[in-house]
Amino acid sequence: MVMDVVHVSVLPDFLLRLDYANGEQRQFDMKPLLQMSPWDRIASPAHFEKATVDYGTVVWPGNIDIAPETLYADSTPLPRSSRPADLRRA
């Protein structure tokens, strides 16, 4: 089952904080991908910061995206305490 990303936050050093539909929050490091096509086109902070969510995954202008399976499998779970206060409501 593929988990849908519902929100992305761009962090320093080409990291993404991902909020999933199931309430899980994970962190994904984009640095290893930024030397490969097509992600080399978003390797500057100005372009990388334009990340948004569409169809359950992270996308950038210019038809650049990343498979939701990759985002989930290669990301690190974040502890509940790292969530902003407004996301801690349960």
N, C-alpha and C. Protein backbone atom coordinates (compact mmCIF):
# COMPACT_ATOMS: atom_id res chain seq x y z
N MET A 1 0.83 -1.18 0.00
CA MET A 1 0.00 0.00 0.00
C MET A 1 0.88 1.24 0.00
N VAL A 2 0.58 2.16 -0.88
CA VAL A 2 1.33 3.40 -0.98
C VAL A 2 0.70 4.43 -0.04
N MET A 3 1.56 5.04 0.78
CA MET A 3 1.10 6.09 1.68
C MET A 3 1.15 7.43 0.95
N ASP A 4 0.08 8.19 1.03
CA ASP A 4 0.04 9.50 0.39
C ASP A 4 0.69 10.55 1.27
N VAL A 5 1.54 11.37 0.65
CA VAL A 5 2.08 12.55 1.31
C VAL A 5 0.97 13.61 1.25
N VAL A 6 0.70 14.26 2.38
CA VAL A 6 -0.33 15.30 2.40
C VAL A 6 0.26 16.70 2.60
N HIS A 7 1.52 16.75 3.07
CA HIS A 7 2.18 18.05 3.25
C HIS A 7 3.69 17.83 3.21
N VAL A 8 4.39 18.78 2.61
CA VAL A 8 5.85 18.74 2.58
C VAL A 8 6.38 20.06 3.12
N SER A 9 7.43 19.97 3.92
CA SER A 9 8.15 21.15 4.40
C SER A 9 9.60 21.02 3.94
N VAL A 10 10.10 22.07 3.34
CA VAL A 10 11.49 22.08 2.89
C VAL A 10 12.35 22.53 4.06
N LEU A 11 13.35 21.71 4.40
CA LEU A 11 14.27 21.99 5.49
C LEU A 11 15.64 22.35 4.93
N PRO A 12 16.51 22.93 5.73
CA PRO A 12 17.87 23.22 5.25
C PRO A 12 18.59 21.95 4.81
N ASP A 13 19.60 22.13 3.99
CA ASP A 13 20.48 21.03 3.55
C ASP A 13 19.74 20.00 2.70
N PHE A 14 18.74 20.45 1.92
CA PHE A 14 18.01 19.60 0.97
C PHE A 14 17.29 18.43 1.63
N LEU A 15 16.72 18.71 2.79
CA LEU A 15 15.90 17.72 3.48
C LEU A 15 14.43 18.07 3.30
N LEU A 16 13.59 17.04 3.28
CA LEU A 16 12.15 17.22 3.22
C LEU A 16 11.52 16.61 4.46
N ARG A 17 10.62 17.34 5.09
CA ARG A 17 9.81 16.77 6.15
C ARG A 17 8.47 16.44 5.52
N LEU A 18 8.07 15.18 5.62
CA LEU A 18 6.88 14.69 4.95
C LEU A 18 5.81 14.33 5.97
N ASP A 19 4.61 14.83 5.76
CA ASP A 19 3.46 14.45 6.57
C ASP A 19 2.59 13.52 5.72
N TYR A 20 2.28 12.36 6.28
CA TYR A 20 1.52 11.34 5.57
C TYR A 20 0.06 11.31 6.00
N ALA A 21 -0.78 10.77 5.15
CA ALA A 21 -2.21 10.69 5.41
C ALA A 21 -2.54 9.93 6.69
N ASN A 22 -1.68 9.01 7.09
CA ASN A 22 -1.93 8.22 8.30
C ASN A 22 -1.44 8.93 9.57
N GLY A 23 -0.96 10.18 9.44
CA GLY A 23 -0.48 10.94 10.58
C GLY A 23 1.01 10.79 10.84
N GLU A 24 1.65 9.90 10.11
CA GLU A 24 3.08 9.69 10.29
C GLU A 24 3.86 10.86 9.70
N GLN A 25 5.00 11.15 10.30
CA GLN A 25 5.88 12.21 9.81
C GLN A 25 7.27 11.61 9.62
N ARG A 26 7.86 11.89 8.45
CA ARG A 26 9.16 11.30 8.12
C ARG A 26 10.05 12.37 7.50
N GLN A 27 11.35 12.11 7.48
CA GLN A 27 12.32 13.03 6.87
C GLN A 27 13.05 12.31 5.74
N PHE A 28 13.17 12.99 4.61
CA PHE A 28 13.81 12.42 3.42
C PHE A 28 14.97 13.32 3.01
N ASP A 29 16.13 12.72 2.79
CA ASP A 29 17.34 13.44 2.36
C ASP A 29 17.44 13.37 0.84
N MET A 30 17.30 14.50 0.17
CA MET A 30 17.36 14.55 -1.30
C MET A 30 18.78 14.63 -1.85
N LYS A 31 19.77 14.91 -1.00
CA LYS A 31 21.13 15.15 -1.52
C LYS A 31 21.65 14.04 -2.45
N PRO A 32 21.47 12.76 -2.13
CA PRO A 32 21.99 11.74 -3.05
C PRO A 32 21.37 11.77 -4.45
N LEU A 33 20.15 12.27 -4.56
CA LEU A 33 19.49 12.29 -5.86
C LEU A 33 19.82 13.53 -6.69
N LEU A 34 20.29 14.58 -6.06
CA LEU A 34 20.47 15.85 -6.76
C LEU A 34 21.58 15.86 -7.79
N GLN A 35 22.36 14.80 -7.87
CA GLN A 35 23.40 14.71 -8.91
C GLN A 35 22.89 13.95 -10.13
N MET A 36 21.67 13.44 -10.05
CA MET A 36 21.09 12.65 -11.15
C MET A 36 19.96 13.43 -11.82
N SER A 37 19.73 13.08 -13.07
CA SER A 37 18.62 13.65 -13.80
C SER A 37 17.33 12.95 -13.37
N PRO A 38 16.25 13.63 -13.23
CA PRO A 38 15.96 15.03 -13.50
C PRO A 38 16.19 15.95 -12.29
N TRP A 39 16.54 15.35 -11.14
CA TRP A 39 16.62 16.13 -9.90
C TRP A 39 17.77 17.12 -9.89
N ASP A 40 18.75 16.98 -10.79
CA ASP A 40 19.83 17.95 -10.87
C ASP A 40 19.30 19.35 -11.21
N ARG A 41 18.09 19.41 -11.79
CA ARG A 41 17.49 20.70 -12.14
C ARG A 41 16.94 21.45 -10.93
N ILE A 42 16.84 20.77 -9.77
CA ILE A 42 16.35 21.43 -8.56
C ILE A 42 17.44 21.50 -7.48
N ALA A 43 18.70 21.39 -7.91
CA ALA A 43 19.83 21.31 -6.97
C ALA A 43 20.22 22.64 -6.35
N SER A 44 19.54 23.71 -6.68
CA SER A 44 19.80 24.99 -6.00
C SER A 44 18.69 25.21 -4.98
N PRO A 45 19.02 25.84 -3.85
CA PRO A 45 17.98 26.08 -2.85
C PRO A 45 16.76 26.82 -3.40
N ALA A 46 16.97 27.76 -4.31
CA ALA A 46 15.86 28.53 -4.86
C ALA A 46 14.86 27.64 -5.60
N HIS A 47 15.36 26.64 -6.30
CA HIS A 47 14.47 25.72 -7.01
C HIS A 47 13.92 24.64 -6.08
N PHE A 48 14.75 24.13 -5.20
CA PHE A 48 14.35 23.06 -4.29
C PHE A 48 13.20 23.50 -3.39
N GLU A 49 13.22 24.76 -2.97
CA GLU A 49 12.21 25.29 -2.06
C GLU A 49 10.81 25.37 -2.68
N LYS A 50 10.69 25.12 -3.96
CA LYS A 50 9.40 25.18 -4.63
C LYS A 50 8.63 23.86 -4.55
N ALA A 51 9.07 22.96 -3.70
CA ALA A 51 8.41 21.67 -3.54
C ALA A 51 6.98 21.84 -3.04
N THR A 52 6.07 21.09 -3.64
CA THR A 52 4.67 21.04 -3.22
C THR A 52 4.21 19.59 -3.26
N VAL A 53 2.98 19.36 -2.86
CA VAL A 53 2.40 18.02 -2.91
C VAL A 53 1.31 18.00 -3.97
N ASP A 54 1.33 16.96 -4.80
CA ASP A 54 0.30 16.74 -5.80
C ASP A 54 0.16 15.23 -5.99
N TYR A 55 -1.05 14.76 -6.04
CA TYR A 55 -1.33 13.33 -6.25
C TYR A 55 -0.60 12.45 -5.25
N GLY A 56 -0.44 12.91 -4.01
CA GLY A 56 0.12 12.08 -2.96
C GLY A 56 1.63 11.97 -2.93
N THR A 57 2.31 12.81 -3.70
CA THR A 57 3.77 12.79 -3.68
C THR A 57 4.32 14.21 -3.79
N VAL A 58 5.63 14.34 -3.70
CA VAL A 58 6.29 15.64 -3.77
C VAL A 58 6.62 15.95 -5.23
N VAL A 59 6.32 17.18 -5.64
CA VAL A 59 6.56 17.61 -7.02
C VAL A 59 7.22 18.99 -7.01
N TRP A 60 7.88 19.29 -8.13
CA TRP A 60 8.49 20.59 -8.37
C TRP A 60 8.09 21.06 -9.75
N PRO A 61 8.15 22.38 -9.99
CA PRO A 61 7.86 22.88 -11.34
C PRO A 61 8.78 22.22 -12.37
N GLY A 62 8.26 22.07 -13.57
CA GLY A 62 9.04 21.44 -14.64
C GLY A 62 8.81 19.93 -14.72
N ASN A 63 7.68 19.47 -14.16
CA ASN A 63 7.34 18.04 -14.18
C ASN A 63 8.37 17.17 -13.49
N ILE A 64 8.90 17.63 -12.38
CA ILE A 64 9.86 16.87 -11.59
C ILE A 64 9.12 16.34 -10.36
N ASP A 65 9.24 15.04 -10.15
CA ASP A 65 8.64 14.45 -8.96
C ASP A 65 9.49 13.28 -8.49
N ILE A 66 9.02 12.63 -7.45
CA ILE A 66 9.73 11.47 -6.91
C ILE A 66 8.67 10.45 -6.51
N ALA A 67 8.95 9.21 -6.77
CA ALA A 67 7.97 8.15 -6.49
C ALA A 67 7.63 8.13 -5.01
N PRO A 68 6.35 8.06 -4.69
CA PRO A 68 5.96 8.02 -3.28
C PRO A 68 6.54 6.81 -2.55
N GLU A 69 6.72 5.71 -3.25
CA GLU A 69 7.32 4.52 -2.65
C GLU A 69 8.76 4.78 -2.22
N THR A 70 9.49 5.53 -3.04
CA THR A 70 10.88 5.89 -2.71
C THR A 70 10.91 6.82 -1.51
N LEU A 71 10.04 7.81 -1.51
CA LEU A 71 9.99 8.74 -0.39
C LEU A 71 9.79 7.99 0.93
N TYR A 72 8.85 7.06 0.93
CA TYR A 72 8.55 6.35 2.17
C TYR A 72 9.66 5.38 2.54
N ALA A 73 10.10 4.58 1.60
CA ALA A 73 11.10 3.54 1.89
C ALA A 73 12.44 4.12 2.31
N ASP A 74 12.83 5.25 1.74
CA ASP A 74 14.15 5.82 2.01
C ASP A 74 14.13 6.98 3.00
N SER A 75 13.03 7.16 3.68
CA SER A 75 12.94 8.24 4.67
C SER A 75 13.07 7.68 6.07
N THR A 76 13.28 8.59 7.00
CA THR A 76 13.46 8.25 8.41
C THR A 76 12.26 8.73 9.20
N PRO A 77 11.66 7.87 10.02
CA PRO A 77 10.54 8.32 10.85
C PRO A 77 10.99 9.38 11.85
N LEU A 78 10.15 10.38 12.06
CA LEU A 78 10.43 11.41 13.05
C LEU A 78 9.63 11.11 14.31
N PRO A 79 10.22 11.36 15.46
CA PRO A 79 9.47 11.15 16.71
C PRO A 79 8.34 12.16 16.83
N ARG A 80 7.31 11.79 17.54
CA ARG A 80 6.16 12.68 17.73
C ARG A 80 6.55 14.03 18.29
N SER A 81 7.56 14.08 19.14
CA SER A 81 7.97 15.34 19.78
C SER A 81 8.53 16.35 18.79
N SER A 82 8.92 15.91 17.58
CA SER A 82 9.48 16.85 16.59
C SER A 82 8.39 17.54 15.79
N ARG A 83 7.14 17.16 16.00
CA ARG A 83 6.05 17.78 15.26
C ARG A 83 5.70 19.14 15.84
N PRO A 84 5.29 20.05 14.99
CA PRO A 84 4.80 21.34 15.50
C PRO A 84 3.60 21.10 16.41
N ALA A 85 3.36 21.97 17.34
CA ALA A 85 2.30 21.81 18.33
C ALA A 85 0.94 21.59 17.69
N ASP A 86 0.64 22.26 16.58
CA ASP A 86 -0.67 22.13 15.98
C ASP A 86 -0.88 20.76 15.33
N LEU A 87 0.18 19.99 15.12
CA LEU A 87 0.05 18.65 14.55
C LEU A 87 0.02 17.56 15.61
N ARG A 88 0.21 17.92 16.88
CA ARG A 88 0.27 16.93 17.96
C ARG A 88 -1.11 16.53 18.47
N ARG A 89 -2.13 17.25 18.02
CA ARG A 89 -3.48 16.93 18.48
C ARG A 89 -3.84 15.53 18.02
N ALA A 90 -4.32 14.71 18.93
CA ALA A 90 -4.70 13.35 18.55
C ALA A 90 -5.99 12.94 19.22
